[in-house]
Amino acid sequence: RTPMSAADLVHRRMATGITRLWAAPPGSRARLLGLALTPAAAAFRAAVYVRGHGYRHGWLRSRRAGLPVVSVGNLTVGGEGKTPFAAFLVHAFLERGVRPAVLHGGYGDDEPALHRTWHPDVPVYVGRDRSASAARAAAAGAQLVILDDGFQHRRLARDLDIVLVSVERWRQRPRLLPAGPWRESPRALARADVIVVIRRGAGQEEAVALAVRMAEVAPRVPIVRAALTVAGWSVAGEPAEAPEGPAVAVAGIALPEQFAASARAAGADVERLIAFPDHHAYSRADAEHIERVAGGRPIVTTEKDAVKLASLVAAGRLRVLRQTVTIDAGAPSLDAALDAVARA
């Protein structure tokens, strides 16, 4: 494993600290400290507005890729299921007889690895220049590209903009970076082609209420309701039952507590959660710490974490919770949008 640079270490520690500020309860010392980031958030808001104004008025231009482009994105930093939904779209286009490729921005190696695991025959192109990646995909025979996390990447024109809105994340006050996890304000949803209200642990009633709110924010955009649901457990890539006895959960994702809740709902007796920052690059020391804390108890983790822990922890020790996307409502609208792109 390549040693972590000093810059990467500083960035990770800053990201962890800011995430804790976002999650701090109102009135706490950490939340008050977060108020100091308000001027920076105002500057970020201004920069987002100027950039958006440039694209709306043609001062900044989006490049065409020469093949259909579908973007899956969101308004916040992590935790909304973009990668599983992008995989759902890969499957949907394969069923329609279209050869897709996946484009990823290159931050962290876990999500590209997941795409390759889920669909080994679908190429994944990693790089910040999505236009160059799209050109490579087209030259290799792809008929369509899917941008994993592309809503803010406006340099590449897209034929279908799908934006996920998390029921769990919407509970948070929409504060822009760095004071909060929001990349854009809810008003940006007006430029989406399809809004997907997606839930993990939340109930149908909350999802329906948020869908109504989305219809108010973006009245001309079709609303789809979806859920990330449990698809089962696996050990070393093979289907397995839920672990027996007390277990330790390990998660390096945006919402680790939500994973622990999902694991419990899927039958795991999660006794302790070991949480790491999103996109955490696990080290040998991390693996030793996990093994030490777990003792003889089963270790349950996410698919995203498993691709990085597999080389550090014995495969038989990891019980992986698999999840899938299910559509609760609005399937005809989503199918119509996908059919239109597939025919392009």
Protein backbone atom coordinates (compact mmCIF):
# COMPACT_ATOMS: atom_id res chain seq x y z
CA ARG A 1 0.00 0.00 0.00
CA THR A 2 1.32 3.48 -0.89
CA PRO A 3 2.17 5.47 2.26
CA MET A 4 -0.17 8.35 2.97
CA SER A 5 1.36 11.74 2.22
CA ALA A 6 1.45 14.53 4.77
CA ALA A 7 -1.06 16.48 2.64
CA ASP A 8 -3.45 13.53 2.54
CA LEU A 9 -3.14 13.07 6.31
CA VAL A 10 -3.91 16.75 6.95
CA HIS A 11 -6.86 16.62 4.52
CA ARG A 12 -8.28 13.53 6.24
CA ARG A 13 -7.99 15.08 9.70
CA MET A 14 -9.62 18.31 8.50
CA ALA A 15 -12.46 16.37 6.84
CA THR A 16 -13.03 14.36 10.01
CA GLY A 17 -13.08 17.48 12.16
CA ILE A 18 -15.50 19.34 9.89
CA THR A 19 -17.80 16.31 9.69
CA ARG A 20 -17.96 16.25 13.47
CA LEU A 21 -18.86 19.94 13.51
CA TRP A 22 -21.72 19.27 11.09
CA ALA A 23 -23.05 16.43 13.24
CA ALA A 24 -22.75 18.30 16.55
CA PRO A 25 -26.05 18.99 18.37
CA PRO A 26 -27.45 22.57 18.40
CA GLY A 27 -26.02 24.70 21.19
CA SER A 28 -22.94 22.50 21.66
CA ARG A 29 -19.45 23.93 21.76
CA ALA A 30 -18.59 22.22 18.48
CA ARG A 31 -21.66 23.70 16.76
CA LEU A 32 -20.73 27.17 18.04
CA LEU A 33 -17.25 26.65 16.67
CA GLY A 34 -18.84 25.76 13.36
CA LEU A 35 -20.43 29.21 13.23
CA ALA A 36 -16.95 30.56 12.60
CA LEU A 37 -17.18 28.91 9.17
CA THR A 38 -20.22 31.02 8.20
CA PRO A 39 -18.17 33.67 6.32
CA ALA A 40 -16.43 30.93 4.35
CA ALA A 41 -19.83 29.39 3.55
CA ALA A 42 -21.03 32.80 2.30
CA ALA A 43 -18.00 33.02 0.02
CA PHE A 44 -18.68 29.48 -1.24
CA ARG A 45 -22.31 30.37 -1.90
CA ALA A 46 -21.20 33.39 -3.94
CA ALA A 47 -18.77 31.28 -5.96
CA VAL A 48 -21.48 28.68 -6.68
CA TYR A 49 -23.87 31.44 -7.80
CA VAL A 50 -21.30 33.06 -10.12
CA ARG A 51 -20.40 29.70 -11.65
CA GLY A 52 -24.06 28.77 -12.17
CA HIS A 53 -24.74 32.22 -13.65
CA GLY A 54 -21.89 31.65 -16.09
CA TYR A 55 -23.38 28.40 -17.36
CA ARG A 56 -26.91 29.82 -17.56
CA HIS A 57 -25.77 32.78 -19.68
CA GLY A 58 -23.20 31.02 -21.83
CA TRP A 59 -20.04 32.53 -20.34
CA LEU A 60 -19.09 28.99 -19.37
CA ARG A 61 -19.87 26.19 -21.80
CA SER A 62 -20.54 22.48 -21.37
CA ARG A 63 -18.85 20.07 -23.78
CA ARG A 64 -20.77 17.40 -25.66
CA ALA A 65 -19.37 13.89 -25.33
CA GLY A 66 -20.52 12.45 -28.66
CA LEU A 67 -22.63 9.82 -26.89
CA PRO A 68 -25.47 10.01 -24.36
CA VAL A 69 -24.46 11.07 -20.86
CA VAL A 70 -26.46 10.24 -17.73
CA SER A 71 -25.48 11.89 -14.46
CA VAL A 72 -26.27 10.67 -10.95
CA GLY A 73 -25.64 13.34 -8.33
CA ASN A 74 -26.89 15.05 -5.22
CA LEU A 75 -26.72 18.30 -3.26
CA THR A 76 -24.71 17.19 -0.24
CA VAL A 77 -21.36 15.60 0.53
CA GLY A 78 -21.80 11.82 0.55
CA GLY A 79 -24.32 9.51 2.12
CA GLU A 80 -27.14 9.48 -0.44
CA GLY A 81 -26.51 6.27 -2.34
CA LYS A 82 -25.15 7.66 -5.62
CA THR A 83 -22.92 4.67 -6.32
CA PRO A 84 -25.62 2.01 -5.72
CA PHE A 85 -28.02 4.05 -7.84
CA ALA A 86 -25.43 4.37 -10.62
CA ALA A 87 -25.08 0.57 -10.49
CA PHE A 88 -28.88 0.29 -10.70
CA LEU A 89 -28.72 2.39 -13.89
CA VAL A 90 -25.94 0.23 -15.33
CA HIS A 91 -28.20 -2.79 -14.94
CA ALA A 92 -31.18 -0.90 -16.37
CA PHE A 93 -29.29 0.07 -19.53
CA LEU A 94 -27.82 -3.40 -19.97
CA GLU A 95 -31.38 -4.74 -19.89
CA ARG A 96 -32.22 -2.25 -22.64
CA GLY A 97 -29.40 -3.58 -24.81
CA VAL A 98 -27.19 -0.53 -24.33
CA ARG A 99 -23.45 -0.87 -23.54
CA PRO A 100 -22.71 1.63 -20.75
CA ALA A 101 -19.47 2.79 -19.15
CA VAL A 102 -19.09 4.41 -15.75
CA LEU A 103 -17.15 7.64 -15.19
CA HIS A 104 -15.82 8.41 -11.72
CA GLY A 105 -14.07 11.53 -10.48
CA GLY A 106 -11.18 9.71 -8.86
CA TYR A 107 -11.53 10.68 -5.18
CA GLY A 108 -11.01 7.41 -3.34
CA ASP A 109 -10.64 4.02 -4.97
CA ASP A 110 -13.50 2.25 -3.22
CA GLU A 111 -16.39 3.26 -5.47
CA PRO A 112 -14.68 2.42 -8.80
CA ALA A 113 -13.72 -0.93 -7.28
CA LEU A 114 -17.34 -1.53 -6.30
CA HIS A 115 -18.56 -0.84 -9.84
CA ARG A 116 -16.03 -3.32 -11.19
CA THR A 117 -17.15 -5.90 -8.65
CA TRP A 118 -20.85 -5.44 -9.38
CA HIS A 119 -20.49 -5.36 -13.19
CA PRO A 120 -17.12 -6.85 -14.23
CA ASP A 121 -17.89 -6.48 -17.95
CA VAL A 122 -18.68 -2.75 -17.73
CA PRO A 123 -15.62 -0.48 -18.03
CA VAL A 124 -14.98 2.15 -15.34
CA TYR A 125 -12.95 5.24 -16.21
CA VAL A 126 -11.44 7.20 -13.32
CA GLY A 127 -10.27 10.79 -13.65
CA ARG A 128 -11.23 14.36 -12.88
CA ASP A 129 -11.50 15.26 -16.58
CA ARG A 130 -14.83 13.61 -17.31
CA SER A 131 -14.78 14.81 -20.93
CA ALA A 132 -11.53 12.93 -21.55
CA SER A 133 -12.96 9.87 -19.79
CA ALA A 134 -16.09 10.03 -21.93
CA ALA A 135 -13.96 10.22 -25.09
CA ARG A 136 -12.00 7.14 -23.98
CA ALA A 137 -15.24 5.29 -23.28
CA ALA A 138 -16.67 6.17 -26.69
CA ALA A 139 -13.45 5.07 -28.45
CA ALA A 140 -13.65 1.74 -26.62
CA GLY A 141 -17.18 1.09 -27.86
CA ALA A 142 -19.41 2.37 -25.06
CA GLN A 143 -22.83 3.52 -26.24
CA LEU A 144 -23.61 5.60 -23.15
CA VAL A 145 -21.76 6.88 -20.09
CA ILE A 146 -22.98 7.19 -16.51
CA LEU A 147 -21.41 9.83 -14.29
CA ASP A 148 -21.19 8.69 -10.68
CA ASP A 149 -21.49 11.96 -8.72
CA GLY A 150 -21.85 14.37 -11.62
CA PHE A 151 -24.50 17.00 -10.78
CA GLN A 152 -21.93 19.72 -10.02
CA HIS A 153 -19.61 18.65 -12.88
CA ARG A 154 -21.18 20.91 -15.48
CA ARG A 155 -18.27 21.01 -17.90
CA LEU A 156 -19.59 17.80 -19.45
CA ALA A 157 -23.04 18.20 -20.99
CA ARG A 158 -25.52 15.52 -20.01
CA ASP A 159 -28.68 14.16 -21.57
CA LEU A 160 -30.25 13.11 -18.28
CA ASP A 161 -29.57 14.67 -14.86
CA ILE A 162 -30.79 12.47 -12.00
CA VAL A 163 -30.47 14.01 -8.53
CA LEU A 164 -30.84 12.01 -5.33
CA VAL A 165 -32.31 13.63 -2.23
CA SER A 166 -31.88 11.66 0.99
CA VAL A 167 -34.77 11.57 3.43
CA GLU A 168 -32.26 11.25 6.27
CA ARG A 169 -30.05 14.11 5.06
CA TRP A 170 -32.97 16.48 4.41
CA ARG A 171 -33.58 16.62 8.15
CA GLN A 172 -30.43 18.66 8.46
CA ARG A 173 -30.52 22.43 8.01
CA PRO A 174 -29.22 23.19 4.49
CA ARG A 175 -25.94 24.94 5.33
CA LEU A 176 -23.41 25.23 2.49
CA LEU A 177 -19.79 24.11 2.66
CA PRO A 178 -17.76 24.38 4.79
CA ALA A 179 -20.30 25.30 7.50
CA GLY A 180 -22.46 22.32 6.49
CA PRO A 181 -22.47 19.38 4.06
CA TRP A 182 -24.43 21.09 1.26
CA ARG A 183 -22.74 21.73 -2.10
CA GLU A 184 -25.68 23.72 -3.46
CA SER A 185 -28.95 25.05 -2.14
CA PRO A 186 -32.23 23.18 -2.78
CA ARG A 187 -33.05 25.70 -5.54
CA ALA A 188 -30.50 23.91 -7.74
CA LEU A 189 -32.96 21.02 -8.05
CA ALA A 190 -34.82 23.04 -10.67
CA ARG A 191 -32.17 22.11 -13.25
CA ALA A 192 -32.56 18.36 -12.63
CA ASP A 193 -34.41 16.12 -15.10
CA VAL A 194 -35.49 13.60 -12.45
CA ILE A 195 -35.44 13.89 -8.65
CA VAL A 196 -35.16 10.65 -6.69
CA VAL A 197 -36.21 10.86 -3.04
CA ILE A 198 -34.22 8.01 -1.52
CA ARG A 199 -34.44 6.51 1.95
CA ARG A 200 -32.42 4.08 4.01
CA GLY A 201 -33.95 3.66 7.45
CA ALA A 202 -36.72 6.22 7.10
CA GLY A 203 -40.33 5.16 6.60
CA GLN A 204 -42.63 5.63 3.64
CA GLU A 205 -44.50 8.51 5.29
CA GLU A 206 -41.36 10.61 5.60
CA ALA A 207 -40.44 9.85 2.00
CA VAL A 208 -43.88 10.84 0.77
CA ALA A 209 -43.72 14.09 2.76
CA LEU A 210 -40.32 14.92 1.28
CA ALA A 211 -41.57 14.12 -2.23
CA VAL A 212 -44.34 16.65 -1.70
CA ARG A 213 -41.73 19.19 -0.61
CA MET A 214 -39.62 18.43 -3.69
CA ALA A 215 -42.64 19.06 -5.91
CA GLU A 216 -42.86 22.53 -4.33
CA VAL A 217 -39.14 23.23 -4.79
CA ALA A 218 -39.01 21.96 -8.40
CA PRO A 219 -42.61 21.75 -9.68
CA ARG A 220 -41.66 20.85 -13.26
CA VAL A 221 -39.35 17.94 -12.40
CA PRO A 222 -40.66 14.34 -12.15
CA ILE A 223 -40.32 12.87 -8.65
CA VAL A 224 -39.38 9.25 -8.05
CA ARG A 225 -39.28 7.56 -4.64
CA ALA A 226 -36.70 4.84 -4.01
CA ALA A 227 -35.10 2.95 -1.15
CA LEU A 228 -31.77 1.32 -0.41
CA THR A 229 -32.89 -2.05 0.88
CA VAL A 230 -31.01 -5.04 2.24
CA ALA A 231 -30.15 -7.65 -0.37
CA GLY A 232 -28.56 -10.06 2.10
CA TRP A 233 -25.25 -10.95 3.70
CA SER A 234 -22.13 -12.41 2.13
CA VAL A 235 -18.83 -13.87 3.29
CA ALA A 236 -15.89 -13.99 0.86
CA GLY A 237 -18.30 -13.18 -1.96
CA GLU A 238 -20.70 -16.01 -1.20
CA PRO A 239 -24.25 -15.61 0.21
CA ALA A 240 -24.41 -16.06 3.98
CA GLU A 241 -26.78 -15.79 6.91
CA ALA A 242 -26.76 -12.96 9.43
CA PRO A 243 -23.95 -13.33 11.98
CA GLU A 244 -24.72 -15.15 15.19
CA GLY A 245 -24.08 -13.51 18.55
CA PRO A 246 -22.73 -9.99 19.29
CA ALA A 247 -20.95 -8.34 16.37
CA VAL A 248 -18.73 -5.33 15.71
CA ALA A 249 -19.66 -3.01 12.83
CA VAL A 250 -16.98 -1.21 10.80
CA ALA A 251 -17.89 1.64 8.45
CA GLY A 252 -15.91 4.34 6.69
CA ILE A 253 -18.86 6.06 5.04
CA ALA A 254 -20.75 9.34 5.38
CA LEU A 255 -23.42 7.87 7.68
CA PRO A 256 -21.82 5.07 9.74
CA GLU A 257 -24.57 5.07 12.36
CA GLN A 258 -27.12 4.46 9.60
CA PHE A 259 -25.14 1.42 8.48
CA ALA A 260 -25.15 0.05 12.03
CA ALA A 261 -28.92 0.52 12.15
CA SER A 262 -29.32 -1.26 8.80
CA ALA A 263 -27.13 -4.13 9.99
CA ARG A 264 -29.26 -4.53 13.11
CA ALA A 265 -32.43 -4.50 11.01
CA ALA A 266 -30.87 -7.24 8.87
CA GLY A 267 -30.37 -9.49 11.87
CA ALA A 268 -26.93 -8.56 13.21
CA ASP A 269 -26.56 -7.95 16.95
CA VAL A 270 -24.25 -4.94 16.57
CA GLU A 271 -22.65 -4.40 19.95
CA ARG A 272 -20.13 -1.76 18.89
CA LEU A 273 -19.52 0.53 15.92
CA ILE A 274 -16.03 1.47 14.74
CA ALA A 275 -16.49 4.51 12.50
CA PHE A 276 -13.95 5.98 10.10
CA PRO A 277 -14.17 9.02 7.77
CA ASP A 278 -15.84 8.60 4.40
CA HIS A 279 -13.51 7.06 1.75
CA HIS A 280 -11.11 6.01 4.52
CA ALA A 281 -7.95 4.30 3.23
CA TYR A 282 -7.50 1.48 5.71
CA SER A 283 -3.99 0.72 6.96
CA ARG A 284 -2.52 -2.37 8.55
CA ALA A 285 -2.74 -0.57 11.89
CA ASP A 286 -6.47 0.06 11.31
CA ALA A 287 -7.01 -3.63 10.60
CA GLU A 288 -5.11 -4.64 13.73
CA HIS A 289 -7.22 -2.22 15.78
CA ILE A 290 -10.43 -3.66 14.30
CA GLU A 291 -9.32 -7.24 15.01
CA ARG A 292 -8.30 -6.28 18.55
CA VAL A 293 -11.64 -4.60 19.30
CA ALA A 294 -13.64 -7.39 17.70
CA GLY A 295 -11.84 -10.17 19.53
CA GLY A 296 -13.71 -13.29 18.50
CA ARG A 297 -16.87 -11.47 17.52
CA PRO A 298 -18.01 -11.27 13.87
CA ILE A 299 -17.04 -8.14 11.95
CA VAL A 300 -19.84 -6.68 9.82
CA THR A 301 -19.14 -4.02 7.23
CA THR A 302 -20.36 -2.34 4.05
CA GLU A 303 -19.61 -3.40 0.49
CA LYS A 304 -17.69 -0.16 0.06
CA ASP A 305 -15.44 -0.88 3.05
CA ALA A 306 -15.07 -4.56 2.24
CA VAL A 307 -13.22 -3.89 -1.03
CA LYS A 308 -10.50 -2.11 0.98
CA LEU A 309 -10.47 -4.36 4.04
CA ALA A 310 -10.33 -7.60 2.05
CA SER A 311 -6.53 -7.47 1.74
CA LEU A 312 -6.05 -6.62 5.42
CA VAL A 313 -8.56 -8.82 7.23
CA ALA A 314 -9.09 -12.53 6.64
CA ALA A 315 -11.98 -12.88 4.19
CA GLY A 316 -13.84 -15.26 6.46
CA ARG A 317 -13.84 -12.67 9.23
CA LEU A 318 -15.83 -10.08 7.26
CA ARG A 319 -19.61 -10.35 7.04
CA VAL A 320 -20.71 -7.93 4.30
CA LEU A 321 -24.16 -6.36 4.18
CA ARG A 322 -25.30 -6.10 0.57
CA GLN A 323 -27.85 -3.47 -0.42
CA THR A 324 -29.90 -2.83 -3.54
CA VAL A 325 -32.07 -0.07 -4.95
CA THR A 326 -35.82 -0.59 -5.10
CA ILE A 327 -38.28 1.86 -6.64
CA ASP A 328 -41.20 2.69 -4.34
CA ALA A 329 -43.09 5.06 -6.66
CA GLY A 330 -42.62 6.87 -9.96
CA ALA A 331 -41.21 3.94 -11.93
CA PRO A 332 -43.03 4.93 -15.17
CA SER A 333 -41.41 8.40 -15.09
CA LEU A 334 -37.95 6.95 -14.53
CA ASP A 335 -38.43 4.27 -17.20
CA ALA A 336 -39.58 6.87 -19.71
CA ALA A 337 -36.48 9.00 -19.03
CA LEU A 338 -34.15 6.00 -19.39
CA ASP A 339 -35.91 4.79 -22.55
CA ALA A 340 -35.51 8.24 -24.14
CA VAL A 341 -31.75 8.25 -23.47
CA ALA A 342 -31.36 4.63 -24.59
CA ARG A 343 -32.94 5.51 -27.96
CA ALA A 344 -30.76 8.62 -28.45
